[in-house]
């Protein structure tokens, strides 16, 4: 297991520990080793300044071990589990849980909070992420991946899906959140996840 943390390795640790929660030490270490990432090698995170490359490598190895369909499910669960570690290692995300932010009406803080998450992930993943909103109940998470590899389009949106689902419920449990992702074959450079905010019935 990884023990020490360098600033450059924060995203590496978020991904590693979220997968560790799902599969346990032995399987995770085997997956990282098969992806040429020794989790005991403290220099390994430095080879991945762009987190998207790291996530794609791990997803490809998961697919080789478990198949595409299971990998998509694992990535959703990884994304959900990763929020705990993003809050731990990134103060910009942790502070969104402060009482000052939580006391704001949801329609005032939801978009700004999503934008804060997008800013962190854009920087860490090395890809452009933007959030658009047509009203206070409909939001669009747009990830731009020009010249993206096949693995990116097949897998990475599912990690974001799980992370966003957990993030929305962490921001406010008094609403229902309906997320949807469907690949856009007309625009292969764009990955779009929509979020509908609904009142609890």
C-alpha atoms as a PDB file:
ATOM      1  CA  UNK A   1       0.000   0.000   0.000  1.00  0.00           C
ATOM      2  CA  UNK A   2       1.073   3.590  -0.606  1.00  0.00           C
ATOM      3  CA  UNK A   3       2.170   5.432   2.512  1.00  0.00           C
ATOM      4  CA  UNK A   4       3.562   8.917   1.795  1.00  0.00           C
ATOM      5  CA  UNK A   5       2.037  11.684  -0.307  1.00  0.00           C
ATOM      6  CA  UNK A   6       3.733  14.150  -2.617  1.00  0.00           C
ATOM      7  CA  UNK A   7       1.852  17.115  -4.037  1.00  0.00           C
ATOM      8  CA  UNK A   8       2.247  15.784  -7.582  1.00  0.00           C
ATOM      9  CA  UNK A   9       0.714  12.471  -6.558  1.00  0.00           C
ATOM     10  CA  UNK A  10      -2.640  13.685  -5.211  1.00  0.00           C
ATOM     11  CA  UNK A  11      -4.722  12.504  -8.145  1.00  0.00           C
ATOM     12  CA  UNK A  12      -2.774   9.236  -8.291  1.00  0.00           C
ATOM     13  CA  UNK A  13      -3.761   8.586  -4.688  1.00  0.00           C
ATOM     14  CA  UNK A  14      -7.419   9.472  -5.271  1.00  0.00           C
ATOM     15  CA  UNK A  15      -7.582   6.885  -8.051  1.00  0.00           C
ATOM     16  CA  UNK A  16      -5.506   4.284  -6.217  1.00  0.00           C
ATOM     17  CA  UNK A  17      -7.422   4.450  -2.943  1.00  0.00           C
ATOM     18  CA  UNK A  18     -10.846   4.511  -4.599  1.00  0.00           C
ATOM     19  CA  UNK A  19      -9.990   1.302  -6.468  1.00  0.00           C
ATOM     20  CA  UNK A  20      -8.478  -0.174  -3.322  1.00  0.00           C
ATOM     21  CA  UNK A  21     -11.831   0.177  -1.560  1.00  0.00           C
ATOM     22  CA  UNK A  22     -13.453  -1.938  -4.266  1.00  0.00           C
ATOM     23  CA  UNK A  23     -10.894  -4.661  -4.965  1.00  0.00           C
ATOM     24  CA  UNK A  24      -8.504  -4.880  -2.014  1.00  0.00           C
ATOM     25  CA  UNK A  25      -4.717  -4.761  -1.802  1.00  0.00           C
ATOM     26  CA  UNK A  26      -3.671  -7.774  -3.851  1.00  0.00           C
ATOM     27  CA  UNK A  27      -5.892  -7.188  -6.872  1.00  0.00           C
ATOM     28  CA  UNK A  28      -5.167  -3.451  -6.997  1.00  0.00           C
ATOM     29  CA  UNK A  29      -1.418  -3.966  -6.779  1.00  0.00           C
ATOM     30  CA  UNK A  30      -1.617  -6.551  -9.583  1.00  0.00           C
ATOM     31  CA  UNK A  31      -3.610  -4.149 -11.766  1.00  0.00           C
ATOM     32  CA  UNK A  32      -1.189  -1.286 -11.208  1.00  0.00           C
ATOM     33  CA  UNK A  33       1.788  -3.568 -11.848  1.00  0.00           C
ATOM     34  CA  UNK A  34       0.200  -4.849 -15.081  1.00  0.00           C
ATOM     35  CA  UNK A  35      -0.279  -1.226 -16.137  1.00  0.00           C
ATOM     36  CA  UNK A  36       3.461  -0.671 -15.468  1.00  0.00           C
ATOM     37  CA  UNK A  37       2.669   1.324 -12.337  1.00  0.00           C
ATOM     38  CA  UNK A  38       4.320  -0.007  -9.216  1.00  0.00           C
ATOM     39  CA  UNK A  39       2.223   1.365  -6.329  1.00  0.00           C
ATOM     40  CA  UNK A  40       5.270   1.103  -4.072  1.00  0.00           C
ATOM     41  CA  UNK A  41       7.376   3.232  -6.460  1.00  0.00           C
ATOM     42  CA  UNK A  42       7.164   6.816  -5.197  1.00  0.00           C
ATOM     43  CA  UNK A  43       8.305   8.139  -8.600  1.00  0.00           C
ATOM     44  CA  UNK A  44       5.438   6.497 -10.472  1.00  0.00           C
ATOM     45  CA  UNK A  45       2.933   9.367 -10.067  1.00  0.00           C
ATOM     46  CA  UNK A  46       5.401  11.814 -11.614  1.00  0.00           C
ATOM     47  CA  UNK A  47       5.070  10.123 -15.002  1.00  0.00           C
ATOM     48  CA  UNK A  48       1.424  11.114 -15.173  1.00  0.00           C
ATOM     49  CA  UNK A  49       1.086  14.880 -15.051  1.00  0.00           C
ATOM     50  CA  UNK A  50      -2.157  14.370 -16.963  1.00  0.00           C
ATOM     51  CA  UNK A  51      -4.503  12.325 -14.863  1.00  0.00           C
ATOM     52  CA  UNK A  52      -6.536  11.314 -17.891  1.00  0.00           C
ATOM     53  CA  UNK A  53      -3.612   9.190 -19.085  1.00  0.00           C
ATOM     54  CA  UNK A  54      -3.403   7.467 -15.713  1.00  0.00           C
ATOM     55  CA  UNK A  55      -7.136   6.778 -15.597  1.00  0.00           C
ATOM     56  CA  UNK A  56      -7.122   5.454 -19.174  1.00  0.00           C
ATOM     57  CA  UNK A  57      -4.247   3.085 -18.366  1.00  0.00           C
ATOM     58  CA  UNK A  58      -6.018   1.744 -15.284  1.00  0.00           C
ATOM     59  CA  UNK A  59      -9.327   1.407 -17.166  1.00  0.00           C
ATOM     60  CA  UNK A  60      -7.615  -0.507 -19.975  1.00  0.00           C
ATOM     61  CA  UNK A  61      -6.121  -2.937 -17.479  1.00  0.00           C
ATOM     62  CA  UNK A  62      -9.459  -3.368 -15.704  1.00  0.00           C
ATOM     63  CA  UNK A  63     -11.036  -4.122 -19.059  1.00  0.00           C
ATOM     64  CA  UNK A  64      -8.379  -6.731 -19.819  1.00  0.00           C
ATOM     65  CA  UNK A  65      -9.097  -8.389 -16.474  1.00  0.00           C
ATOM     66  CA  UNK A  66     -12.876  -8.044 -16.183  1.00  0.00           C
ATOM     67  CA  UNK A  67     -14.294  -7.031 -19.591  1.00  0.00           C
ATOM     68  CA  UNK A  68     -15.775  -3.729 -20.765  1.00  0.00           C
ATOM     69  CA  UNK A  69     -19.194  -3.912 -19.124  1.00  0.00           C
ATOM     70  CA  UNK A  70     -17.839  -4.759 -15.667  1.00  0.00           C
ATOM     71  CA  UNK A  71     -15.168  -2.080 -16.054  1.00  0.00           C
ATOM     72  CA  UNK A  72     -17.795   0.589 -16.664  1.00  0.00           C
ATOM     73  CA  UNK A  73     -19.534  -0.438 -13.456  1.00  0.00           C
ATOM     74  CA  UNK A  74     -16.248  -0.443 -11.549  1.00  0.00           C
ATOM     75  CA  UNK A  75     -15.412   3.034 -12.837  1.00  0.00           C
ATOM     76  CA  UNK A  76     -18.773   4.387 -11.664  1.00  0.00           C
ATOM     77  CA  UNK A  77     -18.116   2.922  -8.223  1.00  0.00           C
ATOM     78  CA  UNK A  78     -14.522   4.229  -8.302  1.00  0.00           C
ATOM     79  CA  UNK A  79     -15.768   7.707  -9.112  1.00  0.00           C
ATOM     80  CA  UNK A  80     -18.233   7.541  -6.244  1.00  0.00           C
ATOM     81  CA  UNK A  81     -15.571   6.311  -3.802  1.00  0.00           C
ATOM     82  CA  UNK A  82     -13.041   8.891  -5.001  1.00  0.00           C
ATOM     83  CA  UNK A  83     -14.994  11.880  -3.642  1.00  0.00           C
ATOM     84  CA  UNK A  84     -13.800  11.059  -0.114  1.00  0.00           C
ATOM     85  CA  UNK A  85     -10.199  11.326  -1.287  1.00  0.00           C
ATOM     86  CA  UNK A  86     -10.752  14.418  -3.439  1.00  0.00           C
ATOM     87  CA  UNK A  87     -12.154  16.093  -0.334  1.00  0.00           C
ATOM     88  CA  UNK A  88      -9.157  14.913   1.684  1.00  0.00           C
ATOM     89  CA  UNK A  89      -6.438  15.989  -0.736  1.00  0.00           C
ATOM     90  CA  UNK A  90      -7.968  19.059  -2.438  1.00  0.00           C
ATOM     91  CA  UNK A  91      -8.965  21.927  -0.149  1.00  0.00           C
ATOM     92  CA  UNK A  92     -10.889  23.598  -2.996  1.00  0.00           C
ATOM     93  CA  UNK A  93     -13.338  20.696  -2.912  1.00  0.00           C
ATOM     94  CA  UNK A  94     -13.356  20.160   0.852  1.00  0.00           C
ATOM     95  CA  UNK A  95     -14.351  23.762   1.525  1.00  0.00           C
ATOM     96  CA  UNK A  96     -17.536  23.292  -0.511  1.00  0.00           C
ATOM     97  CA  UNK A  97     -18.816  21.344   2.487  1.00  0.00           C
ATOM     98  CA  UNK A  98     -18.303  24.290   4.833  1.00  0.00           C
ATOM     99  CA  UNK A  99     -21.371  25.632   6.587  1.00  0.00           C
ATOM    100  CA  UNK A 100     -21.080  28.961   4.752  1.00  0.00           C
ATOM    101  CA  UNK A 101     -21.548  27.221   1.413  1.00  0.00           C
ATOM    102  CA  UNK A 102     -24.214  24.820   2.645  1.00  0.00           C
ATOM    103  CA  UNK A 103     -26.366  27.682   3.979  1.00  0.00           C
ATOM    104  CA  UNK A 104     -26.677  29.202   0.505  1.00  0.00           C
ATOM    105  CA  UNK A 105     -29.793  28.254  -1.468  1.00  0.00           C
ATOM    106  CA  UNK A 106     -29.127  25.296  -3.753  1.00  0.00           C
ATOM    107  CA  UNK A 107     -29.791  27.322  -6.896  1.00  0.00           C
ATOM    108  CA  UNK A 108     -26.996  29.717  -5.860  1.00  0.00           C
ATOM    109  CA  UNK A 109     -24.359  27.214  -4.845  1.00  0.00           C
ATOM    110  CA  UNK A 110     -24.947  24.216  -7.101  1.00  0.00           C
ATOM    111  CA  UNK A 111     -23.514  25.685 -10.304  1.00  0.00           C
ATOM    112  CA  UNK A 112     -20.616  27.393  -8.539  1.00  0.00           C
ATOM    113  CA  UNK A 113     -19.774  24.167  -6.703  1.00  0.00           C
ATOM    114  CA  UNK A 114     -19.843  22.158  -9.929  1.00  0.00           C
ATOM    115  CA  UNK A 115     -17.564  24.753 -11.500  1.00  0.00           C
ATOM    116  CA  UNK A 116     -15.127  24.407  -8.589  1.00  0.00           C
ATOM    117  CA  UNK A 117     -15.021  20.639  -9.099  1.00  0.00           C
ATOM    118  CA  UNK A 118     -14.586  21.089 -12.852  1.00  0.00           C
ATOM    119  CA  UNK A 119     -11.682  23.491 -12.308  1.00  0.00           C
ATOM    120  CA  UNK A 120      -9.822  20.989 -10.113  1.00  0.00           C
ATOM    121  CA  UNK A 121     -10.419  18.105 -12.497  1.00  0.00           C
ATOM    122  CA  UNK A 122      -9.520  20.156 -15.578  1.00  0.00           C
ATOM    123  CA  UNK A 123      -6.167  20.949 -14.022  1.00  0.00           C
ATOM    124  CA  UNK A 124      -5.501  17.454 -12.686  1.00  0.00           C
ATOM    125  CA  UNK A 125      -6.780  15.508 -15.692  1.00  0.00           C
ATOM    126  CA  UNK A 126      -5.184  17.777 -18.267  1.00  0.00           C
ATOM    127  CA  UNK A 127      -8.399  18.154 -20.228  1.00  0.00           C
ATOM    128  CA  UNK A 128     -10.971  20.934 -20.557  1.00  0.00           C
ATOM    129  CA  UNK A 129     -14.122  20.522 -18.478  1.00  0.00           C
ATOM    130  CA  UNK A 130     -16.958  23.055 -18.445  1.00  0.00           C
ATOM    131  CA  UNK A 131     -20.336  23.210 -16.745  1.00  0.00           C
ATOM    132  CA  UNK A 132     -23.343  24.802 -18.425  1.00  0.00           C
ATOM    133  CA  UNK A 133     -26.810  25.443 -17.034  1.00  0.00           C
ATOM    134  CA  UNK A 134     -29.990  26.386 -18.856  1.00  0.00           C
ATOM    135  CA  UNK A 135     -31.899  26.764 -15.565  1.00  0.00           C
ATOM    136  CA  UNK A 136     -31.612  25.864 -11.889  1.00  0.00           C
ATOM    137  CA  UNK A 137     -32.723  22.278 -12.535  1.00  0.00           C
ATOM    138  CA  UNK A 138     -30.662  21.305 -15.599  1.00  0.00           C
ATOM    139  CA  UNK A 139     -26.866  21.173 -15.771  1.00  0.00           C
ATOM    140  CA  UNK A 140     -24.449  19.852 -18.372  1.00  0.00           C
ATOM    141  CA  UNK A 141     -20.967  18.569 -17.553  1.00  0.00           C
ATOM    142  CA  UNK A 142     -18.902  18.833 -20.734  1.00  0.00           C
ATOM    143  CA  UNK A 143     -15.510  17.155 -21.080  1.00  0.00           C
ATOM    144  CA  UNK A 144     -13.567  18.091 -24.217  1.00  0.00           C
ATOM    145  CA  UNK A 145     -11.172  15.419 -25.454  1.00  0.00           C
ATOM    146  CA  UNK A 146      -9.861  16.370 -28.912  1.00  0.00           C
ATOM    147  CA  UNK A 147      -8.112  13.441 -30.590  1.00  0.00           C
ATOM    148  CA  UNK A 148      -9.110  11.253 -27.652  1.00  0.00           C
ATOM    149  CA  UNK A 149      -8.106   7.614 -27.577  1.00  0.00           C
ATOM    150  CA  UNK A 150     -10.762   4.919 -27.821  1.00  0.00           C
ATOM    151  CA  UNK A 151     -10.310   3.953 -24.162  1.00  0.00           C
ATOM    152  CA  UNK A 152     -11.117   7.519 -23.125  1.00  0.00           C
ATOM    153  CA  UNK A 153     -14.478   7.514 -24.867  1.00  0.00           C
ATOM    154  CA  UNK A 154     -15.294   3.980 -23.733  1.00  0.00           C
ATOM    155  CA  UNK A 155     -14.390   4.355 -20.066  1.00  0.00           C
ATOM    156  CA  UNK A 156     -13.469   7.727 -18.528  1.00  0.00           C
ATOM    157  CA  UNK A 157     -16.984   9.262 -18.591  1.00  0.00           C
ATOM    158  CA  UNK A 158     -18.134   6.527 -16.219  1.00  0.00           C
ATOM    159  CA  UNK A 159     -15.611   7.622 -13.595  1.00  0.00           C
ATOM    160  CA  UNK A 160     -16.949  11.192 -13.868  1.00  0.00           C
ATOM    161  CA  UNK A 161     -20.507   9.850 -13.704  1.00  0.00           C
ATOM    162  CA  UNK A 162     -19.901   8.141 -10.363  1.00  0.00           C
ATOM    163  CA  UNK A 163     -18.007  11.112  -8.973  1.00  0.00           C
ATOM    164  CA  UNK A 164     -20.737  13.562  -9.996  1.00  0.00           C
ATOM    165  CA  UNK A 165     -23.517  11.405  -8.567  1.00  0.00           C
ATOM    166  CA  UNK A 166     -21.754  11.245  -5.205  1.00  0.00           C
ATOM    167  CA  UNK A 167     -20.822  14.934  -5.354  1.00  0.00           C
ATOM    168  CA  UNK A 168     -24.414  16.051  -5.980  1.00  0.00           C
ATOM    169  CA  UNK A 169     -25.761  14.038  -3.067  1.00  0.00           C
ATOM    170  CA  UNK A 170     -22.958  15.309  -0.833  1.00  0.00           C
ATOM    171  CA  UNK A 171     -23.886  18.909  -1.678  1.00  0.00           C
ATOM    172  CA  UNK A 172     -27.540  18.432  -0.785  1.00  0.00           C
ATOM    173  CA  UNK A 173     -29.411  15.243   0.115  1.00  0.00           C
ATOM    174  CA  UNK A 174     -32.764  17.036  -0.011  1.00  0.00           C
ATOM    175  CA  UNK A 175     -32.991  16.677  -3.795  1.00  0.00           C
ATOM    176  CA  UNK A 176     -33.028  13.863  -6.314  1.00  0.00           C
ATOM    177  CA  UNK A 177     -30.378  13.911  -9.035  1.00  0.00           C
ATOM    178  CA  UNK A 178     -30.902  12.180 -12.363  1.00  0.00           C
ATOM    179  CA  UNK A 179     -27.657  11.804 -14.297  1.00  0.00           C
ATOM    180  CA  UNK A 180     -27.377  10.618 -17.875  1.00  0.00           C
ATOM    181  CA  UNK A 181     -24.449   9.866 -20.146  1.00  0.00           C
ATOM    182  CA  UNK A 182     -24.789   8.808 -23.751  1.00  0.00           C
ATOM    183  CA  UNK A 183     -21.871   8.951 -26.222  1.00  0.00           C
ATOM    184  CA  UNK A 184     -22.386  11.502 -28.991  1.00  0.00           C
ATOM    185  CA  UNK A 185     -21.313   9.845 -32.218  1.00  0.00           C
ATOM    186  CA  UNK A 186     -21.598  13.162 -34.095  1.00  0.00           C
ATOM    187  CA  UNK A 187     -19.114  14.941 -31.844  1.00  0.00           C
ATOM    188  CA  UNK A 188     -16.423  12.475 -30.768  1.00  0.00           C
ATOM    189  CA  UNK A 189     -14.402  15.227 -29.054  1.00  0.00           C
ATOM    190  CA  UNK A 190     -17.138  15.878 -26.477  1.00  0.00           C
ATOM    191  CA  UNK A 191     -18.274  13.778 -23.542  1.00  0.00           C
ATOM    192  CA  UNK A 192     -21.560  15.078 -22.093  1.00  0.00           C
ATOM    193  CA  UNK A 193     -23.176  14.162 -18.779  1.00  0.00           C
ATOM    194  CA  UNK A 194     -26.500  15.820 -17.977  1.00  0.00           C
ATOM    195  CA  UNK A 195     -27.750  16.399 -14.426  1.00  0.00           C
ATOM    196  CA  UNK A 196     -31.424  16.968 -13.661  1.00  0.00           C
ATOM    197  CA  UNK A 197     -32.247  18.269 -10.167  1.00  0.00           C
ATOM    198  CA  UNK A 198     -35.664  17.225  -8.885  1.00  0.00           C
ATOM    199  CA  UNK A 199     -37.585  17.673  -5.670  1.00  0.00           C
ATOM    200  CA  UNK A 200     -37.996  14.670  -3.415  1.00  0.00           C
ATOM    201  CA  UNK A 201     -41.442  13.126  -3.745  1.00  0.00           C
END
